[in-house]
Amino acid sequence: MTDNNSEAAGPGSLDSLSYEEAREQLVAVVSRLEAGGASLEESLALWERGEALAKRCEDWLEGARKRLATARDAGSDGAAPGANLQK
């Protein structure tokens, strides 16, 4: 892997990624794997990074689902939309 690839960042950096950043990096990893030509070691590293990025995206989406459910529940109780939402 080359040092200028954003998908080469370590797993600790995942926590700071937005959904869009994680998705963009995941697309880059998949493209790189589909292109072929990588060594076995590089392919495995890319695969592991892709798995971690996919989990990050899934976590973001699950958080969004929970926030929407909270907003929906608050709306059905007559409360102002977003009254129970926190960042």
PDB file of N, CA and C in Angstrom:
ATOM      1  N   MET A   1       0.839  -1.177   0.000  1.00  0.00           N
ATOM      2  CA  MET A   1       0.000   0.000   0.000  1.00  0.00           C
ATOM      3  C   MET A   1       0.881   1.237   0.000  1.00  0.00           C
ATOM      4  N   THR A   2       0.459   2.261  -0.693  1.00  0.00           N
ATOM      5  CA  THR A   2       1.235   3.491  -0.716  1.00  0.00           C
ATOM      6  C   THR A   2       0.823   4.388   0.426  1.00  0.00           C
ATOM      7  N   ASP A   3       1.745   5.253   0.834  1.00  0.00           N
ATOM      8  CA  ASP A   3       1.480   6.121   1.975  1.00  0.00           C
ATOM      9  C   ASP A   3       0.454   7.198   1.698  1.00  0.00           C
ATOM     10  N   ASN A   4       0.182   7.503   0.425  1.00  0.00           N
ATOM     11  CA  ASN A   4      -0.760   8.572   0.123  1.00  0.00           C
ATOM     12  C   ASN A   4      -2.204   8.089   0.027  1.00  0.00           C
ATOM     13  N   ASN A   5      -2.464   6.808   0.263  1.00  0.00           N
ATOM     14  CA  ASN A   5      -3.836   6.299   0.236  1.00  0.00           C
ATOM     15  C   ASN A   5      -4.508   6.573   1.564  1.00  0.00           C
ATOM     16  N   SER A   6      -5.662   7.221   1.540  1.00  0.00           N
ATOM     17  CA  SER A   6      -6.363   7.529   2.778  1.00  0.00           C
ATOM     18  C   SER A   6      -6.837   6.268   3.474  1.00  0.00           C
ATOM     19  N   GLU A   7      -7.048   5.185   2.723  1.00  0.00           N
ATOM     20  CA  GLU A   7      -7.509   3.952   3.349  1.00  0.00           C
ATOM     21  C   GLU A   7      -6.401   3.253   4.109  1.00  0.00           C
ATOM     22  N   ALA A   8      -5.175   3.750   4.013  1.00  0.00           N
ATOM     23  CA  ALA A   8      -4.052   3.146   4.707  1.00  0.00           C
ATOM     24  C   ALA A   8      -3.977   3.589   6.161  1.00  0.00           C
ATOM     25  N   ALA A   9      -4.812   4.518   6.563  1.00  0.00           N
ATOM     26  CA  ALA A   9      -4.773   5.018   7.932  1.00  0.00           C
ATOM     27  C   ALA A   9      -5.097   3.888   8.902  1.00  0.00           C
ATOM     28  N   GLY A  10      -4.576   4.002  10.108  1.00  0.00           N
ATOM     29  CA  GLY A  10      -4.782   2.957  11.101  1.00  0.00           C
ATOM     30  C   GLY A  10      -6.205   2.904  11.604  1.00  0.00           C
ATOM     31  N   PRO A  11      -6.546   1.778  12.270  1.00  0.00           N
ATOM     32  CA  PRO A  11      -7.910   1.592  12.756  1.00  0.00           C
ATOM     33  C   PRO A  11      -8.328   2.610  13.801  1.00  0.00           C
ATOM     34  N   GLY A  12      -7.378   3.192  14.534  1.00  0.00           N
ATOM     35  CA  GLY A  12      -7.724   4.185  15.538  1.00  0.00           C
ATOM     36  C   GLY A  12      -8.322   5.442  14.933  1.00  0.00           C
ATOM     37  N   SER A  13      -8.027   5.692  13.674  1.00  0.00           N
ATOM     38  CA  SER A  13      -8.527   6.897  13.020  1.00  0.00           C
ATOM     39  C   SER A  13      -9.991   6.782  12.608  1.00  0.00           C
ATOM     40  N   LEU A  14     -10.566   5.614  12.714  1.00  0.00           N
ATOM     41  CA  LEU A  14     -11.959   5.418  12.299  1.00  0.00           C
ATOM     42  C   LEU A  14     -12.937   6.229  13.137  1.00  0.00           C
ATOM     43  N   ASP A  15     -12.661   6.378  14.411  1.00  0.00           N
ATOM     44  CA  ASP A  15     -13.590   7.078  15.301  1.00  0.00           C
ATOM     45  C   ASP A  15     -13.831   8.520  14.900  1.00  0.00           C
ATOM     46  N   SER A  16     -12.865   9.122  14.229  1.00  0.00           N
ATOM     47  CA  SER A  16     -13.002  10.529  13.859  1.00  0.00           C
ATOM     48  C   SER A  16     -13.637  10.725  12.480  1.00  0.00           C
ATOM     49  N   LEU A  17     -13.910   9.627  11.769  1.00  0.00           N
ATOM     50  CA  LEU A  17     -14.465   9.743  10.419  1.00  0.00           C
ATOM     51  C   LEU A  17     -15.960   9.995  10.445  1.00  0.00           C
ATOM     52  N   SER A  18     -16.399  10.915   9.602  1.00  0.00           N
ATOM     53  CA  SER A  18     -17.835  11.095   9.394  1.00  0.00           C
ATOM     54  C   SER A  18     -18.336   9.931   8.543  1.00  0.00           C
ATOM     55  N   TYR A  19     -19.638   9.814   8.430  1.00  0.00           N
ATOM     56  CA  TYR A  19     -20.206   8.755   7.590  1.00  0.00           C
ATOM     57  C   TYR A  19     -19.711   8.898   6.155  1.00  0.00           C
ATOM     58  N   GLU A  20     -19.734  10.120   5.655  1.00  0.00           N
ATOM     59  CA  GLU A  20     -19.344  10.354   4.261  1.00  0.00           C
ATOM     60  C   GLU A  20     -17.875  10.018   4.023  1.00  0.00           C
ATOM     61  N   GLU A  21     -17.022  10.375   4.983  1.00  0.00           N
ATOM     62  CA  GLU A  21     -15.595  10.066   4.852  1.00  0.00           C
ATOM     63  C   GLU A  21     -15.353   8.557   4.870  1.00  0.00           C
ATOM     64  N   ALA A  22     -16.017   7.875   5.788  1.00  0.00           N
ATOM     65  CA  ALA A  22     -15.862   6.422   5.890  1.00  0.00           C
ATOM     66  C   ALA A  22     -16.376   5.741   4.625  1.00  0.00           C
ATOM     67  N   ARG A  23     -17.510   6.200   4.105  1.00  0.00           N
ATOM     68  CA  ARG A  23     -18.066   5.615   2.882  1.00  0.00           C
ATOM     69  C   ARG A  23     -17.137   5.853   1.697  1.00  0.00           C
ATOM     70  N   GLU A  24     -16.583   7.050   1.605  1.00  0.00           N
ATOM     71  CA  GLU A  24     -15.671   7.381   0.510  1.00  0.00           C
ATOM     72  C   GLU A  24     -14.415   6.504   0.569  1.00  0.00           C
ATOM     73  N   GLN A  25     -13.879   6.332   1.757  1.00  0.00           N
ATOM     74  CA  GLN A  25     -12.706   5.466   1.901  1.00  0.00           C
ATOM     75  C   GLN A  25     -13.047   4.014   1.585  1.00  0.00           C
ATOM     76  N   LEU A  26     -14.237   3.570   1.981  1.00  0.00           N
ATOM     77  CA  LEU A  26     -14.674   2.209   1.687  1.00  0.00           C
ATOM     78  C   LEU A  26     -14.779   1.989   0.183  1.00  0.00           C
ATOM     79  N   VAL A  27     -15.329   2.944  -0.531  1.00  0.00           N
ATOM     80  CA  VAL A  27     -15.420   2.861  -1.991  1.00  0.00           C
ATOM     81  C   VAL A  27     -14.025   2.750  -2.601  1.00  0.00           C
ATOM     82  N   ALA A  28     -13.074   3.519  -2.074  1.00  0.00           N
ATOM     83  CA  ALA A  28     -11.698   3.478  -2.578  1.00  0.00           C
ATOM     84  C   ALA A  28     -11.063   2.112  -2.319  1.00  0.00           C
ATOM     85  N   VAL A  29     -11.321   1.542  -1.160  1.00  0.00           N
ATOM     86  CA  VAL A  29     -10.780   0.220  -0.831  1.00  0.00           C
ATOM     87  C   VAL A  29     -11.353  -0.834  -1.770  1.00  0.00           C
ATOM     88  N   VAL A  30     -12.661  -0.804  -1.964  1.00  0.00           N
ATOM     89  CA  VAL A  30     -13.307  -1.779  -2.853  1.00  0.00           C
ATOM     90  C   VAL A  30     -12.770  -1.635  -4.277  1.00  0.00           C
ATOM     91  N   SER A  31     -12.626  -0.410  -4.742  1.00  0.00           N
ATOM     92  CA  SER A  31     -12.093  -0.184  -6.088  1.00  0.00           C
ATOM     93  C   SER A  31     -10.685  -0.751  -6.222  1.00  0.00           C
ATOM     94  N   ARG A  32      -9.883  -0.529  -5.199  1.00  0.00           N
ATOM     95  CA  ARG A  32      -8.500  -1.030  -5.219  1.00  0.00           C
ATOM     96  C   ARG A  32      -8.485  -2.559  -5.248  1.00  0.00           C
ATOM     97  N   LEU A  33      -9.339  -3.180  -4.445  1.00  0.00           N
ATOM     98  CA  LEU A  33      -9.401  -4.643  -4.431  1.00  0.00           C
ATOM     99  C   LEU A  33      -9.902  -5.190  -5.764  1.00  0.00           C
ATOM    100  N   GLU A  34     -10.914  -4.539  -6.334  1.00  0.00           N
ATOM    101  CA  GLU A  34     -11.458  -4.992  -7.617  1.00  0.00           C
ATOM    102  C   GLU A  34     -10.464  -4.817  -8.760  1.00  0.00           C
ATOM    103  N   ALA A  35      -9.596  -3.822  -8.652  1.00  0.00           N
ATOM    104  CA  ALA A  35      -8.610  -3.579  -9.704  1.00  0.00           C
ATOM    105  C   ALA A  35      -7.578  -4.696  -9.774  1.00  0.00           C
ATOM    106  N   GLY A  36      -7.361  -5.357  -8.654  1.00  0.00           N
ATOM    107  CA  GLY A  36      -6.391  -6.450  -8.618  1.00  0.00           C
ATOM    108  C   GLY A  36      -4.971  -5.926  -8.638  1.00  0.00           C
ATOM    109  N   GLY A  37      -4.039  -6.848  -8.725  1.00  0.00           N
ATOM    110  CA  GLY A  37      -2.639  -6.485  -8.817  1.00  0.00           C
ATOM    111  C   GLY A  37      -1.963  -6.252  -7.482  1.00  0.00           C
ATOM    112  N   ALA A  38      -2.719  -6.287  -6.397  1.00  0.00           N
ATOM    113  CA  ALA A  38      -2.123  -6.087  -5.079  1.00  0.00           C
ATOM    114  C   ALA A  38      -1.550  -7.414  -4.580  1.00  0.00           C
ATOM    115  N   SER A  39      -0.519  -7.326  -3.777  1.00  0.00           N
ATOM    116  CA  SER A  39       0.040  -8.530  -3.173  1.00  0.00           C
ATOM    117  C   SER A  39      -0.989  -9.123  -2.204  1.00  0.00           C
ATOM    118  N   LEU A  40      -0.762 -10.350  -1.801  1.00  0.00           N
ATOM    119  CA  LEU A  40      -1.664 -10.985  -0.848  1.00  0.00           C
ATOM    120  C   LEU A  40      -1.705 -10.196   0.456  1.00  0.00           C
ATOM    121  N   GLU A  41      -0.539  -9.774   0.933  1.00  0.00           N
ATOM    122  CA  GLU A  41      -0.472  -9.012   2.177  1.00  0.00           C
ATOM    123  C   GLU A  41      -1.237  -7.698   2.060  1.00  0.00           C
ATOM    124  N   GLU A  42      -1.062  -6.992   0.946  1.00  0.00           N
ATOM    125  CA  GLU A  42      -1.768  -5.738   0.738  1.00  0.00           C
ATOM    126  C   GLU A  42      -3.276  -5.973   0.617  1.00  0.00           C
ATOM    127  N   SER A  43      -3.651  -7.022  -0.095  1.00  0.00           N
ATOM    128  CA  SER A  43      -5.075  -7.348  -0.247  1.00  0.00           C
ATOM    129  C   SER A  43      -5.724  -7.630   1.099  1.00  0.00           C
ATOM    130  N   LEU A  44      -5.030  -8.369   1.949  1.00  0.00           N
ATOM    131  CA  LEU A  44      -5.574  -8.659   3.276  1.00  0.00           C
ATOM    132  C   LEU A  44      -5.716  -7.391   4.112  1.00  0.00           C
ATOM    133  N   ALA A  45      -4.723  -6.519   4.030  1.00  0.00           N
ATOM    134  CA  ALA A  45      -4.795  -5.248   4.765  1.00  0.00           C
ATOM    135  C   ALA A  45      -5.954  -4.398   4.260  1.00  0.00           C
ATOM    136  N   LEU A  46      -6.132  -4.364   2.948  1.00  0.00           N
ATOM    137  CA  LEU A  46      -7.247  -3.615   2.367  1.00  0.00           C
ATOM    138  C   LEU A  46      -8.581  -4.207   2.804  1.00  0.00           C
ATOM    139  N   TRP A  47      -8.675  -5.533   2.787  1.00  0.00           N
ATOM    140  CA  TRP A  47      -9.909  -6.210   3.197  1.00  0.00           C
ATOM    141  C   TRP A  47     -10.244  -5.857   4.647  1.00  0.00           C
ATOM    142  N   GLU A  48      -9.243  -5.935   5.530  1.00  0.00           N
ATOM    143  CA  GLU A  48      -9.468  -5.616   6.942  1.00  0.00           C
ATOM    144  C   GLU A  48      -9.894  -4.166   7.116  1.00  0.00           C
ATOM    145  N   ARG A  49      -9.255  -3.272   6.378  1.00  0.00           N
ATOM    146  CA  ARG A  49      -9.633  -1.856   6.446  1.00  0.00           C
ATOM    147  C   ARG A  49     -11.069  -1.676   5.946  1.00  0.00           C
ATOM    148  N   GLY A  50     -11.412  -2.362   4.876  1.00  0.00           N
ATOM    149  CA  GLY A  50     -12.766  -2.279   4.344  1.00  0.00           C
ATOM    150  C   GLY A  50     -13.806  -2.773   5.333  1.00  0.00           C
ATOM    151  N   GLU A  51     -13.506  -3.861   6.015  1.00  0.00           N
ATOM    152  CA  GLU A  51     -14.424  -4.381   7.037  1.00  0.00           C
ATOM    153  C   GLU A  51     -14.625  -3.357   8.148  1.00  0.00           C
ATOM    154  N   ALA A  52     -13.528  -2.744   8.589  1.00  0.00           N
ATOM    155  CA  ALA A  52     -13.615  -1.737   9.658  1.00  0.00           C
ATOM    156  C   ALA A  52     -14.403  -0.512   9.191  1.00  0.00           C
ATOM    157  N   LEU A  53     -14.181  -0.094   7.957  1.00  0.00           N
ATOM    158  CA  LEU A  53     -14.912   1.050   7.416  1.00  0.00           C
ATOM    159  C   LEU A  53     -16.401   0.738   7.272  1.00  0.00           C
ATOM    160  N   ALA A  54     -16.721  -0.479   6.828  1.00  0.00           N
ATOM    161  CA  ALA A  54     -18.130  -0.881   6.692  1.00  0.00           C
ATOM    162  C   ALA A  54     -18.810  -0.865   8.056  1.00  0.00           C
ATOM    163  N   LYS A  55     -18.114  -1.321   9.090  1.00  0.00           N
ATOM    164  CA  LYS A  55     -18.682  -1.299  10.442  1.00  0.00           C
ATOM    165  C   LYS A  55     -18.900   0.137  10.902  1.00  0.00           C
ATOM    166  N   ARG A  56     -17.950   1.018  10.603  1.00  0.00           N
ATOM    167  CA  ARG A  56     -18.101   2.437  10.971  1.00  0.00           C
ATOM    168  C   ARG A  56     -19.344   3.034  10.310  1.00  0.00           C
ATOM    169  N   CYS A  57     -19.527   2.738   9.027  1.00  0.00           N
ATOM    170  CA  CYS A  57     -20.715   3.231   8.318  1.00  0.00           C
ATOM    171  C   CYS A  57     -21.984   2.663   8.943  1.00  0.00           C
ATOM    172  N   GLU A  58     -21.958   1.379   9.257  1.00  0.00           N
ATOM    173  CA  GLU A  58     -23.122   0.738   9.872  1.00  0.00           C
ATOM    174  C   GLU A  58     -23.444   1.377  11.223  1.00  0.00           C
ATOM    175  N   ASP A  59     -22.410   1.676  12.011  1.00  0.00           N
ATOM    176  CA  ASP A  59     -22.622   2.330  13.310  1.00  0.00           C
ATOM    177  C   ASP A  59     -23.256   3.710  13.138  1.00  0.00           C
ATOM    178  N   TRP A  60     -22.775   4.465  12.148  1.00  0.00           N
ATOM    179  CA  TRP A  60     -23.355   5.785  11.867  1.00  0.00           C
ATOM    180  C   TRP A  60     -24.829   5.653  11.493  1.00  0.00           C
ATOM    181  N   LEU A  61     -25.136   4.690  10.627  1.00  0.00           N
ATOM    182  CA  LEU A  61     -26.524   4.515  10.194  1.00  0.00           C
ATOM    183  C   LEU A  61     -27.422   4.072  11.342  1.00  0.00           C
ATOM    184  N   GLU A  62     -26.913   3.211  12.203  1.00  0.00           N
ATOM    185  CA  GLU A  62     -27.699   2.781  13.357  1.00  0.00           C
ATOM    186  C   GLU A  62     -27.977   3.958  14.287  1.00  0.00           C
ATOM    187  N   GLY A  63     -26.990   4.819  14.478  1.00  0.00           N
ATOM    188  CA  GLY A  63     -27.204   6.017  15.286  1.00  0.00           C
ATOM    189  C   GLY A  63     -28.254   6.926  14.676  1.00  0.00           C
ATOM    190  N   ALA A  64     -28.224   7.047  13.360  1.00  0.00           N
ATOM    191  CA  ALA A  64     -29.224   7.878  12.673  1.00  0.00           C
ATOM    192  C   ALA A  64     -30.617   7.274  12.834  1.00  0.00           C
ATOM    193  N   ARG A  65     -30.718   5.953  12.729  1.00  0.00           N
ATOM    194  CA  ARG A  65     -32.025   5.292  12.921  1.00  0.00           C
ATOM    195  C   ARG A  65     -32.574   5.562  14.318  1.00  0.00           C
ATOM    196  N   LYS A  66     -31.699   5.485  15.313  1.00  0.00           N
ATOM    197  CA  LYS A  66     -32.140   5.729  16.690  1.00  0.00           C
ATOM    198  C   LYS A  66     -32.600   7.165  16.872  1.00  0.00           C
ATOM    199  N   ARG A  67     -31.865   8.099  16.284  1.00  0.00           N
ATOM    200  CA  ARG A  67     -32.260   9.512  16.389  1.00  0.00           C
ATOM    201  C   ARG A  67     -33.606   9.749  15.706  1.00  0.00           C
ATOM    202  N   LEU A  68     -33.815   9.112  14.554  1.00  0.00           N
ATOM    203  CA  LEU A  68     -35.101   9.256  13.863  1.00  0.00           C
ATOM    204  C   LEU A  68     -36.236   8.644  14.672  1.00  0.00           C
ATOM    205  N   ALA A  69     -35.982   7.501  15.280  1.00  0.00           N
ATOM    206  CA  ALA A  69     -37.004   6.866  16.110  1.00  0.00           C
ATOM    207  C   ALA A  69     -37.351   7.753  17.298  1.00  0.00           C
ATOM    208  N   THR A  70     -36.338   8.363  17.900  1.00  0.00           N
ATOM    209  CA  THR A  70     -36.571   9.272  19.024  1.00  0.00           C
ATOM    210  C   THR A  70     -37.402  10.466  18.575  1.00  0.00           C
ATOM    211  N   ALA A  71     -37.073  11.016  17.418  1.00  0.00           N
ATOM    212  CA  ALA A  71     -37.811  12.167  16.895  1.00  0.00           C
ATOM    213  C   ALA A  71     -39.248  11.775  16.575  1.00  0.00           C
ATOM    214  N   ARG A  72     -39.417  10.594  15.991  1.00  0.00           N
ATOM    215  CA  ARG A  72     -40.760  10.113  15.664  1.00  0.00           C
ATOM    216  C   ARG A  72     -41.586   9.926  16.930  1.00  0.00           C
ATOM    217  N   ASP A  73     -40.970   9.318  17.958  1.00  0.00           N
ATOM    218  CA  ASP A  73     -41.678   9.091  19.215  1.00  0.00           C
ATOM    219  C   ASP A  73     -42.036  10.418  19.884  1.00  0.00           C
ATOM    220  N   ALA A  74     -41.119  11.369  19.830  1.00  0.00           N
ATOM    221  CA  ALA A  74     -41.384  12.685  20.423  1.00  0.00           C
ATOM    222  C   ALA A  74     -42.512  13.379  19.672  1.00  0.00           C
ATOM    223  N   GLY A  75     -42.535  13.236  18.355  1.00  0.00           N
ATOM    224  CA  GLY A  75     -43.585  13.847  17.541  1.00  0.00           C
ATOM    225  C   GLY A  75     -44.949  13.257  17.824  1.00  0.00           C
ATOM    226  N   SER A  76     -44.984  11.950  18.101  1.00  0.00           N
ATOM    227  CA  SER A  76     -46.275  11.316  18.374  1.00  0.00           C
ATOM    228  C   SER A  76     -46.774  11.648  19.772  1.00  0.00           C
ATOM    229  N   ASP A  77     -45.887  12.126  20.641  1.00  0.00           N
ATOM    230  CA  ASP A  77     -46.285  12.529  21.986  1.00  0.00           C
ATOM    231  C   ASP A  77     -46.735  13.984  22.042  1.00  0.00           C
ATOM    232  N   GLY A  78     -46.659  14.677  20.912  1.00  0.00           N
ATOM    233  CA  GLY A  78     -47.055  16.065  20.869  1.00  0.00           C
ATOM    234  C   GLY A  78     -45.938  17.029  21.196  1.00  0.00           C
ATOM    235  N   ALA A  79     -44.748  16.499  21.453  1.00  0.00           N
ATOM    236  CA  ALA A  79     -43.610  17.381  21.756  1.00  0.00           C
ATOM    237  C   ALA A  79     -43.092  17.993  20.456  1.00  0.00           C
ATOM    238  N   ALA A  80     -42.374  19.066  20.595  1.00  0.00           N
ATOM    239  CA  ALA A  80     -41.786  19.729  19.422  1.00  0.00           C
ATOM    240  C   ALA A  80     -40.768  18.792  18.766  1.00  0.00           C
ATOM    241  N   PRO A  81     -40.759  18.717  17.431  1.00  0.00           N
ATOM    242  CA  PRO A  81     -39.786  17.861  16.757  1.00  0.00           C
ATOM    243  C   PRO A  81     -38.372  18.255  17.149  1.00  0.00           C
ATOM    244  N   GLY A  82     -37.572  17.238  17.466  1.00  0.00           N
ATOM    245  CA  GLY A  82     -36.192  17.477  17.831  1.00  0.00           C
ATOM    246  C   GLY A  82     -35.972  17.865  19.288  1.00  0.00           C
ATOM    247  N   ALA A  83     -37.042  17.927  20.066  1.00  0.00           N
ATOM    248  CA  ALA A  83     -36.910  18.344  21.446  1.00  0.00           C
ATOM    249  C   ALA A  83     -36.056  17.382  22.267  1.00  0.00           C
ATOM    250  N   ASN A  84     -36.082  16.108  21.925  1.00  0.00           N
ATOM    251  CA  ASN A  84     -35.317  15.108  22.675  1.00  0.00           C
ATOM    252  C   ASN A  84     -34.004  14.751  22.010  1.00  0.00           C
ATOM    253  N   LEU A  85     -33.667  15.381  20.902  1.00  0.00           N
ATOM    254  CA  LEU A  85     -32.439  15.051  20.184  1.00  0.00           C
ATOM    255  C   LEU A  85     -31.251  15.768  20.793  1.00  0.00           C
ATOM    256  N   GLN A  86     -30.170  15.051  20.926  1.00  0.00           N
ATOM    257  CA  GLN A  86     -28.921  15.624  21.404  1.00  0.00           C
ATOM    258  C   GLN A  86     -27.834  15.260  20.422  1.00  0.00           C
ATOM    259  N   LYS A  87     -26.823  16.116  20.311  1.00  0.00           N
ATOM    260  CA  LYS A  87     -25.695  15.823  19.423  1.00  0.00           C
ATOM    261  C   LYS A  87     -24.760  14.870  20.092  1.00  0.00           C
TER     262      LYS A  87
END
